[in-house]
Amino acid sequence: MQYDATIIQPFRDELTRIGFRELRSAAEVDTTLAKKGGTNFLVINSVCGCAAGKARPGIAMALRSSPMKPDELTTVFAGGDIEATARVRERIGSLPPSSPSMALFKDGQLVHFVPRYQIENRDAAQIARHLMDVFQEYCGGGSALAAG
């Protein structure tokens, strides 16, 4: 199902405003996730209430508070970037499709995934703490975003 672009734009803006780059095509996903050497935090964004009330605020809190951050922040929008979202889901592998969800790639490989069911039962602060732990584990050694 494709959502009206004007309806989902404010939800997109919540992430791009804090530094996320949108991946709008399968080719952009392929190019971005093929990069070796570094970490990429990719969010499958959505219109669902848990994305607005928990996921996006938790992500923002984690990025503001964590001393370690991913090198790159990217996002696709489920129901908006159909081709790009399908490609991300292929790259995630056997994990069931889920939105919102979050994936951390290191050197082009998936190292951590947060599916919707782990978002629905947490508040924004709990999501932020979890992400900060993940960033600490996989993004250690500093990153381009840590300085900014």
C-alpha atoms as a PDB file:
ATOM      1  CA  MET A   1       0.000   0.000   0.000  1.00  0.00           C
ATOM      2  CA  GLN A   2       1.360   3.396  -1.037  1.00  0.00           C
ATOM      3  CA  TYR A   3       0.598   6.344   1.263  1.00  0.00           C
ATOM      4  CA  ASP A   4      -0.067   9.865   0.013  1.00  0.00           C
ATOM      5  CA  ALA A   5       3.281  11.680   0.043  1.00  0.00           C
ATOM      6  CA  THR A   6       1.897  14.810   1.717  1.00  0.00           C
ATOM      7  CA  ILE A   7       0.445  12.796   4.578  1.00  0.00           C
ATOM      8  CA  ILE A   8       3.704  11.015   5.414  1.00  0.00           C
ATOM      9  CA  GLN A   9       6.048  13.985   4.919  1.00  0.00           C
ATOM     10  CA  PRO A  10       5.908  15.139   8.573  1.00  0.00           C
ATOM     11  CA  PHE A  11       6.891  11.605   9.677  1.00  0.00           C
ATOM     12  CA  ARG A  12       9.814  11.618   7.241  1.00  0.00           C
ATOM     13  CA  ASP A  13      10.859  15.050   8.508  1.00  0.00           C
ATOM     14  CA  GLU A  14      11.144  13.822  12.098  1.00  0.00           C
ATOM     15  CA  LEU A  15      14.126  11.714  11.069  1.00  0.00           C
ATOM     16  CA  THR A  16      15.690  13.868   8.357  1.00  0.00           C
ATOM     17  CA  ARG A  17      15.644  16.831  10.755  1.00  0.00           C
ATOM     18  CA  ILE A  18      17.978  14.928  13.099  1.00  0.00           C
ATOM     19  CA  GLY A  19      20.402  13.859  10.374  1.00  0.00           C
ATOM     20  CA  PHE A  20      18.929  10.833   8.623  1.00  0.00           C
ATOM     21  CA  ARG A  21      19.350  10.491   4.867  1.00  0.00           C
ATOM     22  CA  GLU A  22      16.435   8.964   3.003  1.00  0.00           C
ATOM     23  CA  LEU A  23      17.034   6.006   0.722  1.00  0.00           C
ATOM     24  CA  ARG A  24      14.274   6.195  -1.877  1.00  0.00           C
ATOM     25  CA  SER A  25      15.237   3.399  -4.293  1.00  0.00           C
ATOM     26  CA  ALA A  26      16.622  -0.122  -4.248  1.00  0.00           C
ATOM     27  CA  ALA A  27      19.773   1.186  -5.950  1.00  0.00           C
ATOM     28  CA  GLU A  28      20.353   3.694  -3.129  1.00  0.00           C
ATOM     29  CA  VAL A  29      19.911   0.908  -0.564  1.00  0.00           C
ATOM     30  CA  ASP A  30      22.355  -1.335  -2.444  1.00  0.00           C
ATOM     31  CA  THR A  31      24.992   1.384  -2.761  1.00  0.00           C
ATOM     32  CA  THR A  32      24.675   2.472   0.860  1.00  0.00           C
ATOM     33  CA  LEU A  33      24.674  -0.982   2.428  1.00  0.00           C
ATOM     34  CA  ALA A  34      27.537  -2.180   0.214  1.00  0.00           C
ATOM     35  CA  LYS A  35      29.913   0.219   1.963  1.00  0.00           C
ATOM     36  CA  LYS A  36      32.561  -1.477   4.049  1.00  0.00           C
ATOM     37  CA  GLY A  37      34.224   0.159   6.989  1.00  0.00           C
ATOM     38  CA  GLY A  38      31.763   1.760   9.333  1.00  0.00           C
ATOM     39  CA  THR A  39      28.308   1.528  10.790  1.00  0.00           C
ATOM     40  CA  ASN A  40      24.936   2.420   9.333  1.00  0.00           C
ATOM     41  CA  PHE A  41      21.836   2.774  11.471  1.00  0.00           C
ATOM     42  CA  LEU A  42      18.864   2.237   9.184  1.00  0.00           C
ATOM     43  CA  VAL A  43      15.297   2.919  10.316  1.00  0.00           C
ATOM     44  CA  ILE A  44      12.267   1.503   8.549  1.00  0.00           C
ATOM     45  CA  ASN A  45       9.955   4.390   9.336  1.00  0.00           C
ATOM     46  CA  SER A  46       6.154   4.151   9.324  1.00  0.00           C
ATOM     47  CA  VAL A  47       2.911   5.943  10.092  1.00  0.00           C
ATOM     48  CA  CYS A  48       1.989   3.651  12.974  1.00  0.00           C
ATOM     49  CA  GLY A  49       1.418   5.096  16.419  1.00  0.00           C
ATOM     50  CA  CYS A  50       4.375   3.289  17.985  1.00  0.00           C
ATOM     51  CA  ALA A  51       6.666   4.944  15.424  1.00  0.00           C
ATOM     52  CA  ALA A  52       5.430   8.379  16.403  1.00  0.00           C
ATOM     53  CA  GLY A  53       5.060   7.862  20.125  1.00  0.00           C
ATOM     54  CA  LYS A  54       8.024   5.640  20.844  1.00  0.00           C
ATOM     55  CA  ALA A  55      10.431   4.817  18.011  1.00  0.00           C
ATOM     56  CA  ARG A  56      11.228   8.218  16.515  1.00  0.00           C
ATOM     57  CA  PRO A  57      11.412   9.984  19.911  1.00  0.00           C
ATOM     58  CA  GLY A  58      13.570   7.139  21.294  1.00  0.00           C
ATOM     59  CA  ILE A  59      15.907   7.359  18.314  1.00  0.00           C
ATOM     60  CA  ALA A  60      16.274  11.119  18.775  1.00  0.00           C
ATOM     61  CA  MET A  61      17.002  10.694  22.507  1.00  0.00           C
ATOM     62  CA  ALA A  62      19.628   8.038  21.829  1.00  0.00           C
ATOM     63  CA  LEU A  63      21.414  10.139  19.229  1.00  0.00           C
ATOM     64  CA  ARG A  64      21.431  13.194  21.507  1.00  0.00           C
ATOM     65  CA  SER A  65      22.690  11.269  24.519  1.00  0.00           C
ATOM     66  CA  SER A  66      24.981   8.526  23.285  1.00  0.00           C
ATOM     67  CA  PRO A  67      28.729   9.174  23.284  1.00  0.00           C
ATOM     68  CA  MET A  68      29.048   6.589  20.505  1.00  0.00           C
ATOM     69  CA  LYS A  69      27.015   7.014  17.340  1.00  0.00           C
ATOM     70  CA  PRO A  70      26.757   5.244  13.994  1.00  0.00           C
ATOM     71  CA  ASP A  71      28.799   6.624  11.125  1.00  0.00           C
ATOM     72  CA  GLU A  72      25.735   6.937   8.936  1.00  0.00           C
ATOM     73  CA  LEU A  73      22.004   7.405   9.588  1.00  0.00           C
ATOM     74  CA  THR A  74      19.623   6.269   6.862  1.00  0.00           C
ATOM     75  CA  THR A  75      15.920   5.596   6.538  1.00  0.00           C
ATOM     76  CA  VAL A  76      13.292   4.136   4.242  1.00  0.00           C
ATOM     77  CA  PHE A  77       9.572   4.674   4.646  1.00  0.00           C
ATOM     78  CA  ALA A  78       7.285   1.643   4.639  1.00  0.00           C
ATOM     79  CA  GLY A  79       4.303   2.543   2.476  1.00  0.00           C
ATOM     80  CA  GLY A  80       6.256   5.379   0.856  1.00  0.00           C
ATOM     81  CA  ASP A  81       9.520   3.978  -0.466  1.00  0.00           C
ATOM     82  CA  ILE A  82       8.137   0.626  -1.610  1.00  0.00           C
ATOM     83  CA  GLU A  83      11.128  -0.552  -3.652  1.00  0.00           C
ATOM     84  CA  ALA A  84      13.707   0.662  -1.136  1.00  0.00           C
ATOM     85  CA  THR A  85      11.860  -0.895   1.808  1.00  0.00           C
ATOM     86  CA  ALA A  86      11.598  -4.228  -0.019  1.00  0.00           C
ATOM     87  CA  ARG A  87      15.352  -4.163  -0.662  1.00  0.00           C
ATOM     88  CA  VAL A  88      16.141  -3.412   2.982  1.00  0.00           C
ATOM     89  CA  ARG A  89      13.925  -6.310   4.012  1.00  0.00           C
ATOM     90  CA  GLU A  90      15.848  -8.574   1.624  1.00  0.00           C
ATOM     91  CA  ARG A  91      19.102  -7.444   3.247  1.00  0.00           C
ATOM     92  CA  ILE A  92      17.714  -8.153   6.708  1.00  0.00           C
ATOM     93  CA  GLY A  93      17.238 -11.774   5.689  1.00  0.00           C
ATOM     94  CA  SER A  94      14.911 -14.239   7.354  1.00  0.00           C
ATOM     95  CA  LEU A  95      13.601 -11.784   9.950  1.00  0.00           C
ATOM     96  CA  PRO A  96       9.894 -11.085   9.351  1.00  0.00           C
ATOM     97  CA  PRO A  97       8.930  -7.704   7.837  1.00  0.00           C
ATOM     98  CA  SER A  98       8.285  -5.181  10.546  1.00  0.00           C
ATOM     99  CA  SER A  99       7.654  -1.461  10.651  1.00  0.00           C
ATOM    100  CA  PRO A 100       8.733   0.510  12.354  1.00  0.00           C
ATOM    101  CA  SER A 101      11.978  -1.302  12.887  1.00  0.00           C
ATOM    102  CA  MET A 102      15.656  -0.489  13.181  1.00  0.00           C
ATOM    103  CA  ALA A 103      18.731  -2.205  11.810  1.00  0.00           C
ATOM    104  CA  LEU A 104      22.390  -1.582  12.506  1.00  0.00           C
ATOM    105  CA  PHE A 105      24.827  -2.634   9.818  1.00  0.00           C
ATOM    106  CA  LYS A 106      28.561  -2.817  10.414  1.00  0.00           C
ATOM    107  CA  ASP A 107      30.896  -3.209   7.452  1.00  0.00           C
ATOM    108  CA  GLY A 108      27.824  -3.921   5.328  1.00  0.00           C
ATOM    109  CA  GLN A 109      26.554  -6.763   7.545  1.00  0.00           C
ATOM    110  CA  LEU A 110      23.491  -6.742   9.788  1.00  0.00           C
ATOM    111  CA  VAL A 111      24.658  -6.863  13.413  1.00  0.00           C
ATOM    112  CA  HIS A 112      21.529  -5.811  15.316  1.00  0.00           C
ATOM    113  CA  PHE A 113      17.813  -5.586  14.582  1.00  0.00           C
ATOM    114  CA  VAL A 114      14.955  -4.103  16.586  1.00  0.00           C
ATOM    115  CA  PRO A 115      11.577  -5.332  15.283  1.00  0.00           C
ATOM    116  CA  ARG A 116       8.245  -3.658  15.891  1.00  0.00           C
ATOM    117  CA  TYR A 117       7.254  -5.995  18.728  1.00  0.00           C
ATOM    118  CA  GLN A 118      10.299  -4.791  20.707  1.00  0.00           C
ATOM    119  CA  ILE A 119       9.209  -1.198  20.112  1.00  0.00           C
ATOM    120  CA  GLU A 120       5.515  -1.584  20.963  1.00  0.00           C
ATOM    121  CA  ASN A 121       6.184  -2.727  24.522  1.00  0.00           C
ATOM    122  CA  ARG A 122       8.756  -0.060  25.413  1.00  0.00           C
ATOM    123  CA  ASP A 123       8.550   3.658  25.932  1.00  0.00           C
ATOM    124  CA  ALA A 124      10.820   6.158  24.177  1.00  0.00           C
ATOM    125  CA  ALA A 125      13.306   6.285  27.070  1.00  0.00           C
ATOM    126  CA  GLN A 126      13.651   2.494  27.123  1.00  0.00           C
ATOM    127  CA  ILE A 127      14.204   2.437  23.357  1.00  0.00           C
ATOM    128  CA  ALA A 128      16.827   5.161  23.710  1.00  0.00           C
ATOM    129  CA  ARG A 129      18.681   3.221  26.425  1.00  0.00           C
ATOM    130  CA  HIS A 130      18.625   0.077  24.305  1.00  0.00           C
ATOM    131  CA  LEU A 131      19.969   1.926  21.263  1.00  0.00           C
ATOM    132  CA  MET A 132      22.691   3.585  23.325  1.00  0.00           C
ATOM    133  CA  ASP A 133      23.822   0.125  24.479  1.00  0.00           C
ATOM    134  CA  VAL A 134      23.812  -1.098  20.870  1.00  0.00           C
ATOM    135  CA  PHE A 135      25.779   1.956  19.703  1.00  0.00           C
ATOM    136  CA  GLN A 136      28.276   1.447  22.529  1.00  0.00           C
ATOM    137  CA  GLU A 137      28.787  -2.178  21.515  1.00  0.00           C
ATOM    138  CA  TYR A 138      29.060  -1.756  17.758  1.00  0.00           C
ATOM    139  CA  CYS A 139      30.044   1.863  17.162  1.00  0.00           C
ATOM    140  CA  GLY A 140      32.942   2.008  19.611  1.00  0.00           C
ATOM    141  CA  GLY A 141      36.092   3.714  18.528  1.00  0.00           C
ATOM    142  CA  GLY A 142      34.334   6.908  17.553  1.00  0.00           C
ATOM    143  CA  SER A 143      32.449   7.891  14.455  1.00  0.00           C
ATOM    144  CA  ALA A 144      31.839  10.801  12.152  1.00  0.00           C
ATOM    145  CA  LEU A 145      28.635  11.645  14.024  1.00  0.00           C
ATOM    146  CA  ALA A 146      30.243  11.451  17.470  1.00  0.00           C
ATOM    147  CA  ALA A 147      32.171  14.641  16.720  1.00  0.00           C
ATOM    148  CA  GLY A 148      29.051  16.475  15.505  1.00  0.00           C
END
